[in-house]
Amino acid sequence: MNEHEWQEVIGTIGIFVLLITVVLTVIWQVGASRRARLQLAREGEYQRIAEAAIAGQRTIEQQLAQIGGQVADLQGRTDKIERVLKDVE
């Protein structure tokens, strides 16, 4: 092989290396952007679940407050009944 043939071989190898590098970089960047998009979607879903949990907890808190009031009312009525029964004895 003469000098020009070696230059052509080295140039061809260089072009292939450059082309492979560019293709791999593009593939890597596409994958990174896809992962970022999926992570954002996942975080949005977690946010929605957290908001639903908070709303559920508020509802439960209101129901517990209402039940607490009802129990206090029943306790007061029970105390009155006990007083009446003691007076009757």
PDB file of N, CA and C in Angstrom:
ATOM      1  N   MET A   1       0.834  -1.164   0.000  1.00  0.00           N
ATOM      2  CA  MET A   1       0.000   0.000   0.000  1.00  0.00           C
ATOM      3  C   MET A   1       0.893   1.246   0.000  1.00  0.00           C
ATOM      4  N   ASN A   2       0.467   2.194  -0.781  1.00  0.00           N
ATOM      5  CA  ASN A   2       1.257   3.423  -0.819  1.00  0.00           C
ATOM      6  C   ASN A   2       0.702   4.445   0.168  1.00  0.00           C
ATOM      7  N   GLU A   3       1.314   5.576   0.195  1.00  0.00           N
ATOM      8  CA  GLU A   3       0.978   6.619   1.171  1.00  0.00           C
ATOM      9  C   GLU A   3      -0.457   7.130   1.023  1.00  0.00           C
ATOM     10  N   HIS A   4      -0.940   7.272  -0.187  1.00  0.00           N
ATOM     11  CA  HIS A   4      -2.296   7.789  -0.416  1.00  0.00           C
ATOM     12  C   HIS A   4      -3.362   6.793   0.028  1.00  0.00           C
ATOM     13  N   GLU A   5      -3.099   5.509  -0.153  1.00  0.00           N
ATOM     14  CA  GLU A   5      -4.072   4.502   0.271  1.00  0.00           C
ATOM     15  C   GLU A   5      -4.217   4.502   1.787  1.00  0.00           C
ATOM     16  N   TRP A   6      -3.091   4.670   2.507  1.00  0.00           N
ATOM     17  CA  TRP A   6      -3.153   4.732   3.971  1.00  0.00           C
ATOM     18  C   TRP A   6      -3.932   5.951   4.437  1.00  0.00           C
ATOM     19  N   GLN A   7      -3.743   7.025   3.762  1.00  0.00           N
ATOM     20  CA  GLN A   7      -4.473   8.241   4.118  1.00  0.00           C
ATOM     21  C   GLN A   7      -5.983   8.048   3.909  1.00  0.00           C
ATOM     22  N   GLU A   8      -6.336   7.361   2.831  1.00  0.00           N
ATOM     23  CA  GLU A   8      -7.754   7.094   2.581  1.00  0.00           C
ATOM     24  C   GLU A   8      -8.338   6.176   3.655  1.00  0.00           C
ATOM     25  N   VAL A   9      -7.586   5.148   4.049  1.00  0.00           N
ATOM     26  CA  VAL A   9      -8.049   4.216   5.077  1.00  0.00           C
ATOM     27  C   VAL A   9      -8.209   4.955   6.413  1.00  0.00           C
ATOM     28  N   ILE A  10      -7.229   5.740   6.779  1.00  0.00           N
ATOM     29  CA  ILE A  10      -7.294   6.494   8.038  1.00  0.00           C
ATOM     30  C   ILE A  10      -8.441   7.502   7.985  1.00  0.00           C
ATOM     31  N   GLY A  11      -8.631   8.172   6.862  1.00  0.00           N
ATOM     32  CA  GLY A  11      -9.727   9.118   6.710  1.00  0.00           C
ATOM     33  C   GLY A  11     -11.076   8.431   6.808  1.00  0.00           C
ATOM     34  N   THR A  12     -11.198   7.265   6.195  1.00  0.00           N
ATOM     35  CA  THR A  12     -12.456   6.510   6.255  1.00  0.00           C
ATOM     36  C   THR A  12     -12.748   6.067   7.682  1.00  0.00           C
ATOM     37  N   ILE A  13     -11.737   5.557   8.371  1.00  0.00           N
ATOM     38  CA  ILE A  13     -11.909   5.150   9.763  1.00  0.00           C
ATOM     39  C   ILE A  13     -12.298   6.360  10.614  1.00  0.00           C
ATOM     40  N   GLY A  14     -11.681   7.489  10.386  1.00  0.00           N
ATOM     41  CA  GLY A  14     -11.997   8.702  11.128  1.00  0.00           C
ATOM     42  C   GLY A  14     -13.434   9.147  10.903  1.00  0.00           C
ATOM     43  N   ILE A  15     -13.887   9.085   9.661  1.00  0.00           N
ATOM     44  CA  ILE A  15     -15.267   9.470   9.359  1.00  0.00           C
ATOM     45  C   ILE A  15     -16.251   8.527  10.047  1.00  0.00           C
ATOM     46  N   PHE A  16     -15.960   7.220  10.018  1.00  0.00           N
ATOM     47  CA  PHE A  16     -16.833   6.258  10.688  1.00  0.00           C
ATOM     48  C   PHE A  16     -16.860   6.488  12.199  1.00  0.00           C
ATOM     49  N   VAL A  17     -15.713   6.756  12.796  1.00  0.00           N
ATOM     50  CA  VAL A  17     -15.656   7.034  14.227  1.00  0.00           C
ATOM     51  C   VAL A  17     -16.467   8.291  14.552  1.00  0.00           C
ATOM     52  N   LEU A  18     -16.302   9.325  13.731  1.00  0.00           N
ATOM     53  CA  LEU A  18     -17.057  10.560  13.937  1.00  0.00           C
ATOM     54  C   LEU A  18     -18.558  10.306  13.798  1.00  0.00           C
ATOM     55  N   LEU A  19     -18.954   9.572  12.774  1.00  0.00           N
ATOM     56  CA  LEU A  19     -20.356   9.265  12.549  1.00  0.00           C
ATOM     57  C   LEU A  19     -20.936   8.450  13.707  1.00  0.00           C
ATOM     58  N   ILE A  20     -20.207   7.443  14.172  1.00  0.00           N
ATOM     59  CA  ILE A  20     -20.671   6.623  15.291  1.00  0.00           C
ATOM     60  C   ILE A  20     -20.794   7.471  16.544  1.00  0.00           C
ATOM     61  N   THR A  21     -19.829   8.367  16.772  1.00  0.00           N
ATOM     62  CA  THR A  21     -19.874   9.246  17.939  1.00  0.00           C
ATOM     63  C   THR A  21     -21.098  10.149  17.896  1.00  0.00           C
ATOM     64  N   VAL A  22     -21.385  10.715  16.746  1.00  0.00           N
ATOM     65  CA  VAL A  22     -22.546  11.593  16.608  1.00  0.00           C
ATOM     66  C   VAL A  22     -23.839  10.809  16.831  1.00  0.00           C
ATOM     67  N   VAL A  23     -23.948   9.636  16.242  1.00  0.00           N
ATOM     68  CA  VAL A  23     -25.157   8.816  16.397  1.00  0.00           C
ATOM     69  C   VAL A  23     -25.349   8.417  17.857  1.00  0.00           C
ATOM     70  N   LEU A  24     -24.282   7.973  18.522  1.00  0.00           N
ATOM     71  CA  LEU A  24     -24.398   7.590  19.927  1.00  0.00           C
ATOM     72  C   LEU A  24     -24.766   8.780  20.811  1.00  0.00           C
ATOM     73  N   THR A  25     -24.226   9.951  20.515  1.00  0.00           N
ATOM     74  CA  THR A  25     -24.565  11.145  21.285  1.00  0.00           C
ATOM     75  C   THR A  25     -26.035  11.500  21.111  1.00  0.00           C
ATOM     76  N   VAL A  26     -26.532  11.421  19.899  1.00  0.00           N
ATOM     77  CA  VAL A  26     -27.946  11.712  19.647  1.00  0.00           C
ATOM     78  C   VAL A  26     -28.838  10.710  20.380  1.00  0.00           C
ATOM     79  N   ILE A  27     -28.488   9.432  20.309  1.00  0.00           N
ATOM     80  CA  ILE A  27     -29.270   8.401  20.996  1.00  0.00           C
ATOM     81  C   ILE A  27     -29.253   8.650  22.500  1.00  0.00           C
ATOM     82  N   TRP A  28     -28.089   8.987  23.048  1.00  0.00           N
ATOM     83  CA  TRP A  28     -27.961   9.257  24.478  1.00  0.00           C
ATOM     84  C   TRP A  28     -28.828  10.442  24.898  1.00  0.00           C
ATOM     85  N   GLN A  29     -28.821  11.494  24.125  1.00  0.00           N
ATOM     86  CA  GLN A  29     -29.603  12.690  24.450  1.00  0.00           C
ATOM     87  C   GLN A  29     -31.102  12.431  24.341  1.00  0.00           C
ATOM     88  N   VAL A  30     -31.502  11.665  23.352  1.00  0.00           N
ATOM     89  CA  VAL A  30     -32.928  11.311  23.219  1.00  0.00           C
ATOM     90  C   VAL A  30     -33.365  10.493  24.427  1.00  0.00           C
ATOM     91  N   GLY A  31     -32.536   9.557  24.844  1.00  0.00           N
ATOM     92  CA  GLY A  31     -32.853   8.748  26.026  1.00  0.00           C
ATOM     93  C   GLY A  31     -32.932   9.600  27.277  1.00  0.00           C
ATOM     94  N   ALA A  32     -32.011  10.544  27.417  1.00  0.00           N
ATOM     95  CA  ALA A  32     -32.013  11.413  28.600  1.00  0.00           C
ATOM     96  C   ALA A  32     -33.263  12.289  28.630  1.00  0.00           C
ATOM     97  N   SER A  33     -33.658  12.823  27.490  1.00  0.00           N
ATOM     98  CA  SER A  33     -34.860  13.659  27.466  1.00  0.00           C
ATOM     99  C   SER A  33     -36.107  12.817  27.730  1.00  0.00           C
ATOM    100  N   ARG A  34     -36.146  11.593  27.253  1.00  0.00           N
ATOM    101  CA  ARG A  34     -37.281  10.707  27.518  1.00  0.00           C
ATOM    102  C   ARG A  34     -37.361  10.372  29.006  1.00  0.00           C
ATOM    103  N   ARG A  35     -36.209  10.080  29.626  1.00  0.00           N
ATOM    104  CA  ARG A  35     -36.198   9.794  31.060  1.00  0.00           C
ATOM    105  C   ARG A  35     -36.673  11.008  31.859  1.00  0.00           C
ATOM    106  N   ALA A  36     -36.251  12.191  31.449  1.00  0.00           N
ATOM    107  CA  ALA A  36     -36.666  13.410  32.150  1.00  0.00           C
ATOM    108  C   ALA A  36     -38.175  13.614  32.020  1.00  0.00           C
ATOM    109  N   ARG A  37     -38.717  13.381  30.824  1.00  0.00           N
ATOM    110  CA  ARG A  37     -40.157  13.516  30.621  1.00  0.00           C
ATOM    111  C   ARG A  37     -40.936  12.521  31.478  1.00  0.00           C
ATOM    112  N   LEU A  38     -40.459  11.276  31.527  1.00  0.00           N
ATOM    113  CA  LEU A  38     -41.127  10.260  32.336  1.00  0.00           C
ATOM    114  C   LEU A  38     -41.052  10.597  33.822  1.00  0.00           C
ATOM    115  N   GLN A  39     -39.928  11.148  34.252  1.00  0.00           N
ATOM    116  CA  GLN A  39     -39.795  11.531  35.652  1.00  0.00           C
ATOM    117  C   GLN A  39     -40.762  12.661  35.997  1.00  0.00           C
ATOM    118  N   LEU A  40     -40.917  13.615  35.114  1.00  0.00           N
ATOM    119  CA  LEU A  40     -41.872  14.699  35.351  1.00  0.00           C
ATOM    120  C   LEU A  40     -43.304  14.167  35.436  1.00  0.00           C
ATOM    121  N   ALA A  41     -43.631  13.235  34.563  1.00  0.00           N
ATOM    122  CA  ALA A  41     -44.972  12.645  34.590  1.00  0.00           C
ATOM    123  C   ALA A  41     -45.188  11.883  35.896  1.00  0.00           C
ATOM    124  N   ARG A  42     -44.167  11.157  36.327  1.00  0.00           N
ATOM    125  CA  ARG A  42     -44.260  10.390  37.561  1.00  0.00           C
ATOM    126  C   ARG A  42     -44.413  11.330  38.760  1.00  0.00           C
ATOM    127  N   GLU A  43     -43.668  12.421  38.780  1.00  0.00           N
ATOM    128  CA  GLU A  43     -43.787  13.392  39.864  1.00  0.00           C
ATOM    129  C   GLU A  43     -45.168  14.042  39.880  1.00  0.00           C
ATOM    130  N   GLY A  44     -45.717  14.299  38.700  1.00  0.00           N
ATOM    131  CA  GLY A  44     -47.077  14.843  38.624  1.00  0.00           C
ATOM    132  C   GLY A  44     -48.096  13.868  39.188  1.00  0.00           C
ATOM    133  N   GLU A  45     -47.902  12.593  38.913  1.00  0.00           N
ATOM    134  CA  GLU A  45     -48.808  11.569  39.444  1.00  0.00           C
ATOM    135  C   GLU A  45     -48.689  11.492  40.963  1.00  0.00           C
ATOM    136  N   TYR A  46     -47.464  11.549  41.478  1.00  0.00           N
ATOM    137  CA  TYR A  46     -47.269  11.554  42.928  1.00  0.00           C
ATOM    138  C   TYR A  46     -47.933  12.771  43.559  1.00  0.00           C
ATOM    139  N   GLN A  47     -47.839  13.905  42.897  1.00  0.00           N
ATOM    140  CA  GLN A  47     -48.471  15.131  43.399  1.00  0.00           C
ATOM    141  C   GLN A  47     -49.985  14.960  43.466  1.00  0.00           C
ATOM    142  N   ARG A  48     -50.560  14.364  42.429  1.00  0.00           N
ATOM    143  CA  ARG A  48     -52.005  14.133  42.401  1.00  0.00           C
ATOM    144  C   ARG A  48     -52.417  13.175  43.513  1.00  0.00           C
ATOM    145  N   ILE A  49     -51.643  12.132  43.730  1.00  0.00           N
ATOM    146  CA  ILE A  49     -51.951  11.168  44.794  1.00  0.00           C
ATOM    147  C   ILE A  49     -51.854  11.842  46.160  1.00  0.00           C
ATOM    148  N   ALA A  50     -50.841  12.673  46.350  1.00  0.00           N
ATOM    149  CA  ALA A  50     -50.676  13.372  47.631  1.00  0.00           C
ATOM    150  C   ALA A  50     -51.844  14.317  47.887  1.00  0.00           C
ATOM    151  N   GLU A  51     -52.286  15.026  46.857  1.00  0.00           N
ATOM    152  CA  GLU A  51     -53.427  15.929  47.018  1.00  0.00           C
ATOM    153  C   GLU A  51     -54.697  15.153  47.359  1.00  0.00           C
ATOM    154  N   ALA A  52     -54.880  13.993  46.724  1.00  0.00           N
ATOM    155  CA  ALA A  52     -56.054  13.163  47.023  1.00  0.00           C
ATOM    156  C   ALA A  52     -55.984  12.656  48.460  1.00  0.00           C
ATOM    157  N   ALA A  53     -54.793  12.288  48.928  1.00  0.00           N
ATOM    158  CA  ALA A  53     -54.633  11.811  50.302  1.00  0.00           C
ATOM    159  C   ALA A  53     -54.938  12.928  51.299  1.00  0.00           C
ATOM    160  N   ILE A  54     -54.477  14.127  50.995  1.00  0.00           N
ATOM    161  CA  ILE A  54     -54.743  15.265  51.886  1.00  0.00           C
ATOM    162  C   ILE A  54     -56.241  15.553  51.951  1.00  0.00           C
ATOM    163  N   ALA A  55     -56.898  15.500  50.798  1.00  0.00           N
ATOM    164  CA  ALA A  55     -58.356  15.729  50.781  1.00  0.00           C
ATOM    165  C   ALA A  55     -59.070  14.651  51.593  1.00  0.00           C
ATOM    166  N   GLY A  56     -58.629  13.408  51.464  1.00  0.00           N
ATOM    167  CA  GLY A  56     -59.220  12.323  52.240  1.00  0.00           C
ATOM    168  C   GLY A  56     -59.003  12.504  53.730  1.00  0.00           C
ATOM    169  N   GLN A  57     -57.800  12.952  54.095  1.00  0.00           N
ATOM    170  CA  GLN A  57     -57.521  13.181  55.511  1.00  0.00           C
ATOM    171  C   GLN A  57     -58.379  14.314  56.073  1.00  0.00           C
ATOM    172  N   ARG A  58     -58.613  15.343  55.294  1.00  0.00           N
ATOM    173  CA  ARG A  58     -59.467  16.444  55.757  1.00  0.00           C
ATOM    174  C   ARG A  58     -60.898  15.960  55.965  1.00  0.00           C
ATOM    175  N   THR A  59     -61.372  15.126  55.053  1.00  0.00           N
ATOM    176  CA  THR A  59     -62.724  14.579  55.191  1.00  0.00           C
ATOM    177  C   THR A  59     -62.824  13.732  56.453  1.00  0.00           C
ATOM    178  N   ILE A  60     -61.826  12.900  56.676  1.00  0.00           N
ATOM    179  CA  ILE A  60     -61.822  12.050  57.869  1.00  0.00           C
ATOM    180  C   ILE A  60     -61.751  12.911  59.128  1.00  0.00           C
ATOM    181  N   GLU A  61     -60.961  13.969  59.090  1.00  0.00           N
ATOM    182  CA  GLU A  61     -60.852  14.859  60.242  1.00  0.00           C
ATOM    183  C   GLU A  61     -62.201  15.506  60.560  1.00  0.00           C
ATOM    184  N   GLN A  62     -62.921  15.925  59.531  1.00  0.00           N
ATOM    185  CA  GLN A  62     -64.238  16.519  59.747  1.00  0.00           C
ATOM    186  C   GLN A  62     -65.209  15.491  60.324  1.00  0.00           C
ATOM    187  N   GLN A  63     -65.151  14.276  59.800  1.00  0.00           N
ATOM    188  CA  GLN A  63     -66.038  13.230  60.301  1.00  0.00           C
ATOM    189  C   GLN A  63     -65.712  12.888  61.749  1.00  0.00           C
ATOM    190  N   LEU A  64     -64.427  12.855  62.085  1.00  0.00           N
ATOM    191  CA  LEU A  64     -64.047  12.565  63.464  1.00  0.00           C
ATOM    192  C   LEU A  64     -64.509  13.673  64.411  1.00  0.00           C
ATOM    193  N   ALA A  65     -64.405  14.920  63.958  1.00  0.00           N
ATOM    194  CA  ALA A  65     -64.882  16.027  64.790  1.00  0.00           C
ATOM    195  C   ALA A  65     -66.384  15.909  65.019  1.00  0.00           C
ATOM    196  N   GLN A  66     -67.098  15.548  63.972  1.00  0.00           N
ATOM    197  CA  GLN A  66     -68.549  15.379  64.095  1.00  0.00           C
ATOM    198  C   GLN A  66     -68.876  14.228  65.040  1.00  0.00           C
ATOM    199  N   ILE A  67     -68.176  13.129  64.910  1.00  0.00           N
ATOM    200  CA  ILE A  67     -68.403  11.974  65.791  1.00  0.00           C
ATOM    201  C   ILE A  67     -68.048  12.333  67.229  1.00  0.00           C
ATOM    202  N   GLY A  68     -66.958  13.102  67.412  1.00  0.00           N
ATOM    203  CA  GLY A  68     -66.590  13.543  68.764  1.00  0.00           C
ATOM    204  C   GLY A  68     -67.688  14.366  69.394  1.00  0.00           C
ATOM    205  N   GLY A  69     -68.313  15.241  68.619  1.00  0.00           N
ATOM    206  CA  GLY A  69     -69.437  16.028  69.131  1.00  0.00           C
ATOM    207  C   GLY A  69     -70.608  15.154  69.509  1.00  0.00           C
ATOM    208  N   GLN A  70     -70.874  14.158  68.676  1.00  0.00           N
ATOM    209  CA  GLN A  70     -71.982  13.247  68.970  1.00  0.00           C
ATOM    210  C   GLN A  70     -71.708  12.433  70.234  1.00  0.00           C
ATOM    211  N   VAL A  71     -70.465  12.000  70.410  1.00  0.00           N
ATOM    212  CA  VAL A  71     -70.103  11.227  71.603  1.00  0.00           C
ATOM    213  C   VAL A  71     -70.238  12.105  72.847  1.00  0.00           C
ATOM    214  N   ALA A  72     -69.797  13.359  72.743  1.00  0.00           N
ATOM    215  CA  ALA A  72     -69.928  14.273  73.883  1.00  0.00           C
ATOM    216  C   ALA A  72     -71.402  14.486  74.223  1.00  0.00           C
ATOM    217  N   ASP A  73     -72.234  14.615  73.208  1.00  0.00           N
ATOM    218  CA  ASP A  73     -73.668  14.776  73.435  1.00  0.00           C
ATOM    219  C   ASP A  73     -74.247  13.532  74.113  1.00  0.00           C
ATOM    220  N   LEU A  74     -73.842  12.340  73.635  1.00  0.00           N
ATOM    221  CA  LEU A  74     -74.310  11.100  74.251  1.00  0.00           C
ATOM    222  C   LEU A  74     -73.828  10.979  75.692  1.00  0.00           C
ATOM    223  N   GLN A  75     -72.599  11.407  75.946  1.00  0.00           N
ATOM    224  CA  GLN A  75     -72.071  11.365  77.311  1.00  0.00           C
ATOM    225  C   GLN A  75     -72.900  12.255  78.234  1.00  0.00           C
ATOM    226  N   GLY A  76     -73.244  13.451  77.738  1.00  0.00           N
ATOM    227  CA  GLY A  76     -74.080  14.353  78.529  1.00  0.00           C
ATOM    228  C   GLY A  76     -75.443  13.755  78.804  1.00  0.00           C
ATOM    229  N   ARG A  77     -76.039  13.151  77.810  1.00  0.00           N
ATOM    230  CA  ARG A  77     -77.357  12.522  78.002  1.00  0.00           C
ATOM    231  C   ARG A  77     -77.268  11.355  78.981  1.00  0.00           C
ATOM    232  N   THR A  78     -76.193  10.569  78.858  1.00  0.00           N
ATOM    233  CA  THR A  78     -76.011   9.429  79.764  1.00  0.00           C
ATOM    234  C   THR A  78     -75.857   9.916  81.202  1.00  0.00           C
ATOM    235  N   ASP A  79     -75.105  10.993  81.390  1.00  0.00           N
ATOM    236  CA  ASP A  79     -74.945  11.547  82.730  1.00  0.00           C
ATOM    237  C   ASP A  79     -76.297  11.992  83.296  1.00  0.00           C
ATOM    238  N   LYS A  80     -77.126  12.618  82.486  1.00  0.00           N
ATOM    239  CA  LYS A  80     -78.456  13.049  82.930  1.00  0.00           C
ATOM    240  C   LYS A  80     -79.319  11.857  83.323  1.00  0.00           C
ATOM    241  N   ILE A  81     -79.250  10.807  82.526  1.00  0.00           N
ATOM    242  CA  ILE A  81     -80.037   9.596  82.818  1.00  0.00           C
ATOM    243  C   ILE A  81     -79.554   8.982  84.124  1.00  0.00           C
ATOM    244  N   GLU A  82     -78.230   8.946  84.341  1.00  0.00           N
ATOM    245  CA  GLU A  82     -77.702   8.391  85.589  1.00  0.00           C
ATOM    246  C   GLU A  82     -78.170   9.210  86.783  1.00  0.00           C
ATOM    247  N   ARG A  83     -78.189  10.531  86.652  1.00  0.00           N
ATOM    248  CA  ARG A  83     -78.659  11.382  87.749  1.00  0.00           C
ATOM    249  C   ARG A  83     -80.144  11.119  88.048  1.00  0.00           C
ATOM    250  N   VAL A  84     -80.921  10.974  86.997  1.00  0.00           N
ATOM    251  CA  VAL A  84     -82.354  10.714  87.191  1.00  0.00           C
ATOM    252  C   VAL A  84     -82.551   9.360  87.874  1.00  0.00           C
ATOM    253  N   LEU A  85     -81.763   8.348  87.467  1.00  0.00           N
ATOM    254  CA  LEU A  85     -81.893   7.020  88.069  1.00  0.00           C
ATOM    255  C   LEU A  85     -81.461   7.051  89.537  1.00  0.00           C
ATOM    256  N   LYS A  86     -80.418   7.821  89.855  1.00  0.00           N
ATOM    257  CA  LYS A  86     -80.002   7.934  91.248  1.00  0.00           C
ATOM    258  C   LYS A  86     -81.056   8.635  92.082  1.00  0.00           C
ATOM    259  N   ASP A  87     -81.707   9.639  91.506  1.00  0.00           N
ATOM    260  CA  ASP A  87     -82.761  10.352  92.234  1.00  0.00           C
ATOM    261  C   ASP A  87     -83.967   9.432  92.457  1.00  0.00           C
ATOM    262  N   VAL A  88     -84.228   8.535  91.525  1.00  0.00           N
ATOM    263  CA  VAL A  88     -85.373   7.643  91.629  1.00  0.00           C
ATOM    264  C   VAL A  88     -85.121   6.603  92.718  1.00  0.00           C
ATOM    265  N   GLU A  89     -83.905   6.187  92.876  1.00  0.00           N
ATOM    266  CA  GLU A  89     -83.609   5.154  93.898  1.00  0.00           C
ATOM    267  C   GLU A  89     -83.904   5.692  95.211  1.00  0.00           C
TER     268      GLU A  89
END
